[in-house]
Every structure is written in structure tokens, then in C-alpha cells.
Amino acid sequence: DIDGVVASQTSTIQSAYVAESGATLLEYATGDELIAAL
């Protein structure tokens, strides 16, 4: 689900895009943490 809970790195263009998409954004400090969250 790309419209559900989506992880992205804090303060990036990717996290801003997710926030504007209507999905639930989870922000993490590093890329490795994104994979762990998935």
C-alpha cells in the first residue's frame, strides 16, 4: 500500500511528497531506518 503508512527520511522532498499525497507519513533520520520500518 503506497497510500497507507509510508516511511521516508525526515525533511526530504520525498517526505514532503508523501505528506501531500494523503498517505500517513512516518519519518526517520536515516535510510537504513526506513528499511527496518518496512
PDB file of all heavy atoms in Angstrom:
ATOM      1  N   ASP A   1       0.835  -1.204   0.000  1.00  0.00           N
ATOM      2  CA  ASP A   1       0.000   0.000   0.000  1.00  0.00           C
ATOM      3  C   ASP A   1       0.872   1.258   0.000  1.00  0.00           C
ATOM      4  O   ASP A   1       1.589   1.528   0.962  1.00  0.00           O
ATOM      5  CB  ASP A   1      -0.900  -0.015   1.235  1.00  0.00           C
ATOM      6  CG  ASP A   1      -1.987   1.047   1.171  1.00  0.00           C
ATOM      7  OD1 ASP A   1      -2.006   1.827   0.195  1.00  0.00           O
ATOM      8  OD2 ASP A   1      -2.812   1.104   2.101  1.00  0.00           O
ATOM      9  N   ILE A   2       0.803   2.029  -1.075  1.00  0.00           N
ATOM     10  CA  ILE A   2       1.546   3.291  -1.137  1.00  0.00           C
ATOM     11  C   ILE A   2       0.662   4.463  -0.707  1.00  0.00           C
ATOM     12  O   ILE A   2       1.134   5.609  -0.692  1.00  0.00           O
ATOM     13  CB  ILE A   2       2.132   3.550  -2.544  1.00  0.00           C
ATOM     14  CG1 ILE A   2       1.026   3.675  -3.593  1.00  0.00           C
ATOM     15  CG2 ILE A   2       3.103   2.440  -2.916  1.00  0.00           C
ATOM     16  CD1 ILE A   2       1.539   4.067  -4.972  1.00  0.00           C
ATOM     17  N   ASP A   3      -0.567   4.178  -0.355  1.00  0.00           N
ATOM     18  CA  ASP A   3      -1.472   5.213   0.162  1.00  0.00           C
ATOM     19  C   ASP A   3      -1.760   5.022   1.645  1.00  0.00           C
ATOM     20  O   ASP A   3      -2.562   5.751   2.228  1.00  0.00           O
ATOM     21  CB  ASP A   3      -2.796   5.190  -0.617  1.00  0.00           C
ATOM     22  CG  ASP A   3      -2.602   5.512  -2.082  1.00  0.00           C
ATOM     23  OD1 ASP A   3      -1.893   6.484  -2.377  1.00  0.00           O
ATOM     24  OD2 ASP A   3      -3.147   4.782  -2.934  1.00  0.00           O
ATOM     25  N   GLY A   4      -1.109   4.027   2.250  1.00  0.00           N
ATOM     26  CA  GLY A   4      -1.312   3.749   3.674  1.00  0.00           C
ATOM     27  C   GLY A   4      -0.258   4.435   4.522  1.00  0.00           C
ATOM     28  O   GLY A   4      -0.137   5.655   4.525  1.00  0.00           O
ATOM     29  N   VAL A   5       0.541   3.649   5.249  1.00  0.00           N
ATOM     30  CA  VAL A   5       1.620   4.172   6.084  1.00  0.00           C
ATOM     31  C   VAL A   5       2.919   4.070   5.291  1.00  0.00           C
ATOM     32  O   VAL A   5       3.367   2.974   4.941  1.00  0.00           O
ATOM     33  CB  VAL A   5       1.736   3.390   7.403  1.00  0.00           C
ATOM     34  CG1 VAL A   5       2.878   3.948   8.250  1.00  0.00           C
ATOM     35  CG2 VAL A   5       0.421   3.444   8.169  1.00  0.00           C
ATOM     36  N   VAL A   6       3.493   5.210   4.989  1.00  0.00           N
ATOM     37  CA  VAL A   6       4.673   5.269   4.119  1.00  0.00           C
ATOM     38  C   VAL A   6       5.839   5.889   4.874  1.00  0.00           C
ATOM     39  O   VAL A   6       5.712   6.978   5.453  1.00  0.00           O
ATOM     40  CB  VAL A   6       4.390   6.080   2.840  1.00  0.00           C
ATOM     41  CG1 VAL A   6       5.622   6.099   1.933  1.00  0.00           C
ATOM     42  CG2 VAL A   6       3.181   5.507   2.102  1.00  0.00           C
ATOM     43  N   ALA A   7       6.975   5.213   4.865  1.00  0.00           N
ATOM     44  CA  ALA A   7       8.177   5.710   5.535  1.00  0.00           C
ATOM     45  C   ALA A   7       9.046   6.491   4.560  1.00  0.00           C
ATOM     46  O   ALA A   7       9.207   6.106   3.396  1.00  0.00           O
ATOM     47  CB  ALA A   7       8.980   4.548   6.117  1.00  0.00           C
ATOM     48  N   SER A   8       9.614   7.601   5.049  1.00  0.00           N
ATOM     49  CA  SER A   8      10.560   8.385   4.262  1.00  0.00           C
ATOM     50  C   SER A   8      11.499   9.104   5.210  1.00  0.00           C
ATOM     51  O   SER A   8      11.250   9.176   6.411  1.00  0.00           O
ATOM     52  CB  SER A   8       9.820   9.387   3.372  1.00  0.00           C
ATOM     53  OG  SER A   8      10.695   9.925   2.388  1.00  0.00           O
ATOM     54  N   GLN A   9      12.606   9.618   4.672  1.00  0.00           N
ATOM     55  CA  GLN A   9      13.565  10.294   5.533  1.00  0.00           C
ATOM     56  C   GLN A   9      13.091  11.693   5.892  1.00  0.00           C
ATOM     57  O   GLN A   9      12.496  12.407   5.074  1.00  0.00           O
ATOM     58  CB  GLN A   9      14.940  10.381   4.880  1.00  0.00           C
ATOM     59  CG  GLN A   9      16.018  10.898   5.843  1.00  0.00           C
ATOM     60  CD  GLN A   9      17.404  10.878   5.243  1.00  0.00           C
ATOM     61  OE1 GLN A   9      17.575  10.759   4.042  1.00  0.00           O
ATOM     62  NE2 GLN A   9      18.419  11.007   6.089  1.00  0.00           N
ATOM     63  N   THR A  10      13.373  12.084   7.117  1.00  0.00           N
ATOM     64  CA  THR A  10      12.973  13.385   7.639  1.00  0.00           C
ATOM     65  C   THR A  10      13.487  14.530   6.767  1.00  0.00           C
ATOM     66  O   THR A  10      14.628  14.519   6.318  1.00  0.00           O
ATOM     67  CB  THR A  10      13.523  13.567   9.071  1.00  0.00           C
ATOM     68  OG1 THR A  10      13.049  12.499   9.886  1.00  0.00           O
ATOM     69  CG2 THR A  10      13.089  14.894   9.669  1.00  0.00           C
ATOM     70  N   SER A  11      12.623  15.499   6.518  1.00  0.00           N
ATOM     71  CA  SER A  11      12.992  16.754   5.855  1.00  0.00           C
ATOM     72  C   SER A  11      13.558  16.556   4.460  1.00  0.00           C
ATOM     73  O   SER A  11      14.544  17.184   4.072  1.00  0.00           O
ATOM     74  CB  SER A  11      13.989  17.538   6.709  1.00  0.00           C
ATOM     75  OG  SER A  11      13.434  17.857   7.952  1.00  0.00           O
ATOM     76  N   THR A  12      12.946  15.679   3.685  1.00  0.00           N
ATOM     77  CA  THR A  12      13.361  15.463   2.299  1.00  0.00           C
ATOM     78  C   THR A  12      12.209  15.792   1.356  1.00  0.00           C
ATOM     79  O   THR A  12      11.056  15.912   1.768  1.00  0.00           O
ATOM     80  CB  THR A  12      13.785  13.998   2.075  1.00  0.00           C
ATOM     81  OG1 THR A  12      12.654  13.142   2.341  1.00  0.00           O
ATOM     82  CG2 THR A  12      14.928  13.605   2.990  1.00  0.00           C
ATOM     83  N   ILE A  13      12.537  15.917   0.074  1.00  0.00           N
ATOM     84  CA  ILE A  13      11.480  16.123  -0.908  1.00  0.00           C
ATOM     85  C   ILE A  13      10.551  14.922  -0.963  1.00  0.00           C
ATOM     86  O   ILE A  13       9.373  15.047  -1.272  1.00  0.00           O
ATOM     87  CB  ILE A  13      12.033  16.445  -2.318  1.00  0.00           C
ATOM     88  CG1 ILE A  13      13.060  15.413  -2.767  1.00  0.00           C
ATOM     89  CG2 ILE A  13      12.611  17.833  -2.360  1.00  0.00           C
ATOM     90  CD1 ILE A  13      13.563  15.640  -4.185  1.00  0.00           C
ATOM     91  N   GLN A  14      11.089  13.751  -0.627  1.00  0.00           N
ATOM     92  CA  GLN A  14      10.254  12.552  -0.610  1.00  0.00           C
ATOM     93  C   GLN A  14       9.230  12.591   0.528  1.00  0.00           C
ATOM     94  O   GLN A  14       8.054  12.272   0.326  1.00  0.00           O
ATOM     95  CB  GLN A  14      11.121  11.301  -0.505  1.00  0.00           C
ATOM     96  CG  GLN A  14      11.927  10.988  -1.750  1.00  0.00           C
ATOM     97  CD  GLN A  14      13.227  11.753  -1.821  1.00  0.00           C
ATOM     98  OE1 GLN A  14      13.753  12.202  -0.798  1.00  0.00           O
ATOM     99  NE2 GLN A  14      13.773  11.889  -3.014  1.00  0.00           N
ATOM    100  N   SER A  15       9.670  12.995   1.718  1.00  0.00           N
ATOM    101  CA  SER A  15       8.724  13.052   2.838  1.00  0.00           C
ATOM    102  C   SER A  15       7.672  14.126   2.608  1.00  0.00           C
ATOM    103  O   SER A  15       6.500  13.946   2.958  1.00  0.00           O
ATOM    104  CB  SER A  15       9.461  13.293   4.160  1.00  0.00           C
ATOM    105  OG  SER A  15      10.113  14.546   4.175  1.00  0.00           O
ATOM    106  N   ALA A  16       8.055  15.241   1.999  1.00  0.00           N
ATOM    107  CA  ALA A  16       7.081  16.288   1.683  1.00  0.00           C
ATOM    108  C   ALA A  16       6.044  15.772   0.682  1.00  0.00           C
ATOM    109  O   ALA A  16       4.848  16.062   0.803  1.00  0.00           O
ATOM    110  CB  ALA A  16       7.796  17.517   1.125  1.00  0.00           C
ATOM    111  N   TYR A  17       6.504  14.993  -0.291  1.00  0.00           N
ATOM    112  CA  TYR A  17       5.593  14.425  -1.287  1.00  0.00           C
ATOM    113  C   TYR A  17       4.595  13.479  -0.635  1.00  0.00           C
ATOM    114  O   TYR A  17       3.389  13.521  -0.925  1.00  0.00           O
ATOM    115  CB  TYR A  17       6.396  13.695  -2.356  1.00  0.00           C
ATOM    116  CG  TYR A  17       5.556  13.036  -3.428  1.00  0.00           C
ATOM    117  CD1 TYR A  17       5.150  13.749  -4.546  1.00  0.00           C
ATOM    118  CD2 TYR A  17       5.169  11.699  -3.319  1.00  0.00           C
ATOM    119  CE1 TYR A  17       4.386  13.147  -5.535  1.00  0.00           C
ATOM    120  CE2 TYR A  17       4.402  11.087  -4.292  1.00  0.00           C
ATOM    121  CZ  TYR A  17       4.011  11.821  -5.396  1.00  0.00           C
ATOM    122  OH  TYR A  17       3.237  11.225  -6.362  1.00  0.00           O
ATOM    123  N   VAL A  18       5.083  12.618   0.256  1.00  0.00           N
ATOM    124  CA  VAL A  18       4.191  11.669   0.950  1.00  0.00           C
ATOM    125  C   VAL A  18       3.156  12.427   1.773  1.00  0.00           C
ATOM    126  O   VAL A  18       1.961  12.089   1.767  1.00  0.00           O
ATOM    127  CB  VAL A  18       4.994  10.711   1.841  1.00  0.00           C
ATOM    128  CG1 VAL A  18       4.061   9.864   2.700  1.00  0.00           C
ATOM    129  CG2 VAL A  18       5.893   9.813   0.998  1.00  0.00           C
ATOM    130  N   ALA A  19       3.598  13.451   2.496  1.00  0.00           N
ATOM    131  CA  ALA A  19       2.680  14.225   3.335  1.00  0.00           C
ATOM    132  C   ALA A  19       1.573  14.862   2.514  1.00  0.00           C
ATOM    133  O   ALA A  19       0.417  14.932   2.941  1.00  0.00           O
ATOM    134  CB  ALA A  19       3.452  15.291   4.100  1.00  0.00           C
ATOM    135  N   GLU A  20       1.924  15.319   1.311  1.00  0.00           N
ATOM    136  CA  GLU A  20       0.928  15.966   0.454  1.00  0.00           C
ATOM    137  C   GLU A  20       0.053  14.957  -0.281  1.00  0.00           C
ATOM    138  O   GLU A  20      -1.001  15.323  -0.810  1.00  0.00           O
ATOM    139  CB  GLU A  20       1.643  16.862  -0.559  1.00  0.00           C
ATOM    140  CG  GLU A  20       2.341  18.064   0.080  1.00  0.00           C
ATOM    141  CD  GLU A  20       3.196  18.833  -0.898  1.00  0.00           C
ATOM    142  OE1 GLU A  20       3.236  18.437  -2.087  1.00  0.00           O
ATOM    143  OE2 GLU A  20       3.836  19.817  -0.479  1.00  0.00           O
ATOM    144  N   SER A  21       0.479  13.690  -0.313  1.00  0.00           N
ATOM    145  CA  SER A  21      -0.271  12.688  -1.074  1.00  0.00           C
ATOM    146  C   SER A  21      -1.502  12.179  -0.348  1.00  0.00           C
ATOM    147  O   SER A  21      -2.362  11.541  -0.955  1.00  0.00           O
ATOM    148  CB  SER A  21       0.655  11.490  -1.371  1.00  0.00           C
ATOM    149  OG  SER A  21       0.866  10.712  -0.189  1.00  0.00           O
ATOM    150  N   GLY A  22      -1.578  12.439   0.956  1.00  0.00           N
ATOM    151  CA  GLY A  22      -2.701  11.936   1.748  1.00  0.00           C
ATOM    152  C   GLY A  22      -2.392  10.665   2.490  1.00  0.00           C
ATOM    153  O   GLY A  22      -3.183  10.214   3.330  1.00  0.00           O
ATOM    154  N   ALA A  23      -1.226  10.051   2.204  1.00  0.00           N
ATOM    155  CA  ALA A  23      -0.805   8.865   2.952  1.00  0.00           C
ATOM    156  C   ALA A  23      -0.353   9.283   4.355  1.00  0.00           C
ATOM    157  O   ALA A  23      -0.095  10.459   4.618  1.00  0.00           O
ATOM    158  CB  ALA A  23       0.330   8.161   2.219  1.00  0.00           C
ATOM    159  N   THR A  24      -0.238   8.307   5.244  1.00  0.00           N
ATOM    160  CA  THR A  24       0.286   8.559   6.587  1.00  0.00           C
ATOM    161  C   THR A  24       1.802   8.484   6.540  1.00  0.00           C
ATOM    162  O   THR A  24       2.371   7.446   6.191  1.00  0.00           O
ATOM    163  CB  THR A  24      -0.250   7.525   7.591  1.00  0.00           C
ATOM    164  OG1 THR A  24      -1.677   7.609   7.640  1.00  0.00           O
ATOM    165  CG2 THR A  24       0.322   7.772   8.981  1.00  0.00           C
ATOM    166  N   LEU A  25       2.462   9.584   6.858  1.00  0.00           N
ATOM    167  CA  LEU A  25       3.914   9.676   6.760  1.00  0.00           C
ATOM    168  C   LEU A  25       4.573   9.261   8.081  1.00  0.00           C
ATOM    169  O   LEU A  25       4.225   9.770   9.141  1.00  0.00           O
ATOM    170  CB  LEU A  25       4.331  11.106   6.412  1.00  0.00           C
ATOM    171  CG  LEU A  25       5.820  11.433   6.495  1.00  0.00           C
ATOM    172  CD1 LEU A  25       6.612  10.633   5.466  1.00  0.00           C
ATOM    173  CD2 LEU A  25       6.039  12.934   6.307  1.00  0.00           C
ATOM    174  N   LEU A  26       5.548   8.347   7.989  1.00  0.00           N
ATOM    175  CA  LEU A  26       6.448   8.043   9.101  1.00  0.00           C
ATOM    176  C   LEU A  26       7.833   8.523   8.698  1.00  0.00           C
ATOM    177  O   LEU A  26       8.365   8.093   7.667  1.00  0.00           O
ATOM    178  CB  LEU A  26       6.499   6.539   9.379  1.00  0.00           C
ATOM    179  CG  LEU A  26       5.288   5.890  10.045  1.00  0.00           C
ATOM    180  CD1 LEU A  26       5.590   4.414  10.300  1.00  0.00           C
ATOM    181  CD2 LEU A  26       4.940   6.586  11.350  1.00  0.00           C
ATOM    182  N   GLU A  27       8.431   9.424   9.491  1.00  0.00           N
ATOM    183  CA  GLU A  27       9.738   9.974   9.161  1.00  0.00           C
ATOM    184  C   GLU A  27      10.829   9.357  10.036  1.00  0.00           C
ATOM    185  O   GLU A  27      10.640   9.163  11.235  1.00  0.00           O
ATOM    186  CB  GLU A  27       9.744  11.489   9.342  1.00  0.00           C
ATOM    187  CG  GLU A  27       8.889  12.223   8.312  1.00  0.00           C
ATOM    188  CD  GLU A  27       9.022  13.724   8.433  1.00  0.00           C
ATOM    189  OE1 GLU A  27       8.502  14.278   9.424  1.00  0.00           O
ATOM    190  OE2 GLU A  27       9.646  14.342   7.558  1.00  0.00           O
ATOM    191  N   TYR A  28      11.960   9.072   9.400  1.00  0.00           N
ATOM    192  CA  TYR A  28      13.109   8.504  10.101  1.00  0.00           C
ATOM    193  C   TYR A  28      14.356   9.294   9.723  1.00  0.00           C
ATOM    194  O   TYR A  28      14.425   9.903   8.654  1.00  0.00           O
ATOM    195  CB  TYR A  28      13.284   7.028   9.739  1.00  0.00           C
ATOM    196  CG  TYR A  28      12.134   6.164  10.192  1.00  0.00           C
ATOM    197  CD1 TYR A  28      11.017   5.972   9.375  1.00  0.00           C
ATOM    198  CD2 TYR A  28      12.153   5.559  11.446  1.00  0.00           C
ATOM    199  CE1 TYR A  28       9.946   5.190   9.796  1.00  0.00           C
ATOM    200  CE2 TYR A  28      11.093   4.766  11.874  1.00  0.00           C
ATOM    201  CZ  TYR A  28      10.000   4.586  11.047  1.00  0.00           C
ATOM    202  OH  TYR A  28       8.943   3.815  11.472  1.00  0.00           O
ATOM    203  N   ALA A  29      15.368   9.227  10.593  1.00  0.00           N
ATOM    204  CA  ALA A  29      16.567  10.048  10.414  1.00  0.00           C
ATOM    205  C   ALA A  29      17.477   9.525   9.307  1.00  0.00           C
ATOM    206  O   ALA A  29      18.175  10.311   8.653  1.00  0.00           O
ATOM    207  CB  ALA A  29      17.346  10.135  11.725  1.00  0.00           C
ATOM    208  N   THR A  30      17.494   8.213   9.060  1.00  0.00           N
ATOM    209  CA  THR A  30      18.420   7.645   8.088  1.00  0.00           C
ATOM    210  C   THR A  30      17.710   6.681   7.148  1.00  0.00           C
ATOM    211  O   THR A  30      16.631   6.151   7.460  1.00  0.00           O
ATOM    212  CB  THR A  30      19.563   6.875   8.786  1.00  0.00           C
ATOM    213  OG1 THR A  30      19.030   5.696   9.412  1.00  0.00           O
ATOM    214  CG2 THR A  30      20.248   7.741   9.836  1.00  0.00           C
ATOM    215  N   GLY A  31      18.354   6.420   6.015  1.00  0.00           N
ATOM    216  CA  GLY A  31      17.806   5.481   5.058  1.00  0.00           C
ATOM    217  C   GLY A  31      17.705   4.073   5.604  1.00  0.00           C
ATOM    218  O   GLY A  31      16.754   3.338   5.308  1.00  0.00           O
ATOM    219  N   ASP A  32      18.688   3.665   6.406  1.00  0.00           N
ATOM    220  CA  ASP A  32      18.662   2.314   6.970  1.00  0.00           C
ATOM    221  C   ASP A  32      17.433   2.099   7.853  1.00  0.00           C
ATOM    222  O   ASP A  32      16.862   1.000   7.893  1.00  0.00           O
ATOM    223  CB  ASP A  32      19.925   2.059   7.783  1.00  0.00           C
ATOM    224  CG  ASP A  32      21.167   1.943   6.904  1.00  0.00           C
ATOM    225  OD1 ASP A  32      21.010   1.714   5.698  1.00  0.00           O
ATOM    226  OD2 ASP A  32      22.277   2.089   7.441  1.00  0.00           O
ATOM    227  N   GLU A  33      17.010   3.140   8.549  1.00  0.00           N
ATOM    228  CA  GLU A  33      15.829   3.023   9.412  1.00  0.00           C
ATOM    229  C   GLU A  33      14.558   2.823   8.598  1.00  0.00           C
ATOM    230  O   GLU A  33      13.595   2.211   9.083  1.00  0.00           O
ATOM    231  CB  GLU A  33      15.707   4.266  10.290  1.00  0.00           C
ATOM    232  CG  GLU A  33      16.764   4.374  11.373  1.00  0.00           C
ATOM    233  CD  GLU A  33      16.651   5.660  12.151  1.00  0.00           C
ATOM    234  OE1 GLU A  33      17.118   6.706  11.652  1.00  0.00           O
ATOM    235  OE2 GLU A  33      16.094   5.628  13.264  1.00  0.00           O
ATOM    236  N   LEU A  34      14.537   3.319   7.374  1.00  0.00           N
ATOM    237  CA  LEU A  34      13.364   3.117   6.507  1.00  0.00           C
ATOM    238  C   LEU A  34      13.181   1.632   6.212  1.00  0.00           C
ATOM    239  O   LEU A  34      12.054   1.113   6.248  1.00  0.00           O
ATOM    240  CB  LEU A  34      13.537   3.883   5.193  1.00  0.00           C
ATOM    241  CG  LEU A  34      13.785   5.384   5.267  1.00  0.00           C
ATOM    242  CD1 LEU A  34      13.897   5.965   3.866  1.00  0.00           C
ATOM    243  CD2 LEU A  34      12.684   6.074   6.055  1.00  0.00           C
ATOM    244  N   ILE A  35      14.280   0.956   5.910  1.00  0.00           N
ATOM    245  CA  ILE A  35      14.208  -0.470   5.582  1.00  0.00           C
ATOM    246  C   ILE A  35      13.793  -1.273   6.812  1.00  0.00           C
ATOM    247  O   ILE A  35      12.997  -2.209   6.729  1.00  0.00           O
ATOM    248  CB  ILE A  35      15.560  -0.964   5.048  1.00  0.00           C
ATOM    249  CG1 ILE A  35      16.041  -0.062   3.887  1.00  0.00           C
ATOM    250  CG2 ILE A  35      15.448  -2.409   4.592  1.00  0.00           C
ATOM    251  CD1 ILE A  35      15.038   0.124   2.776  1.00  0.00           C
ATOM    252  N   ALA A  36      14.309  -0.882   7.973  1.00  0.00           N
ATOM    253  CA  ALA A  36      13.934  -1.562   9.215  1.00  0.00           C
ATOM    254  C   ALA A  36      12.443  -1.395   9.503  1.00  0.00           C
ATOM    255  O   ALA A  36      11.769  -2.342   9.940  1.00  0.00           O
ATOM    256  CB  ALA A  36      14.760  -1.020  10.378  1.00  0.00           C
ATOM    257  N   ALA A  37      11.905  -0.198   9.242  1.00  0.00           N
ATOM    258  CA  ALA A  37      10.479   0.054   9.467  1.00  0.00           C
ATOM    259  C   ALA A  37       9.620  -0.768   8.519  1.00  0.00           C
ATOM    260  O   ALA A  37       8.547  -1.272   8.906  1.00  0.00           O
ATOM    261  CB  ALA A  37      10.179   1.540   9.301  1.00  0.00           C
ATOM    262  N   LEU A  38      10.077  -0.920   7.295  1.00  0.00           N
ATOM    263  CA  LEU A  38       9.342  -1.741   6.326  1.00  0.00           C
ATOM    264  C   LEU A  38       9.323  -3.199   6.769  1.00  0.00           C
ATOM    265  O   LEU A  38       8.265  -3.842   6.797  1.00  0.00           O
ATOM    266  CB  LEU A  38       9.998  -1.614   4.948  1.00  0.00           C
ATOM    267  CG  LEU A  38       9.360  -2.431   3.823  1.00  0.00           C
ATOM    268  CD1 LEU A  38       7.953  -1.929   3.516  1.00  0.00           C
ATOM    269  CD2 LEU A  38      10.237  -2.379   2.566  1.00  0.00           C
TER     270      LEU A  38
END
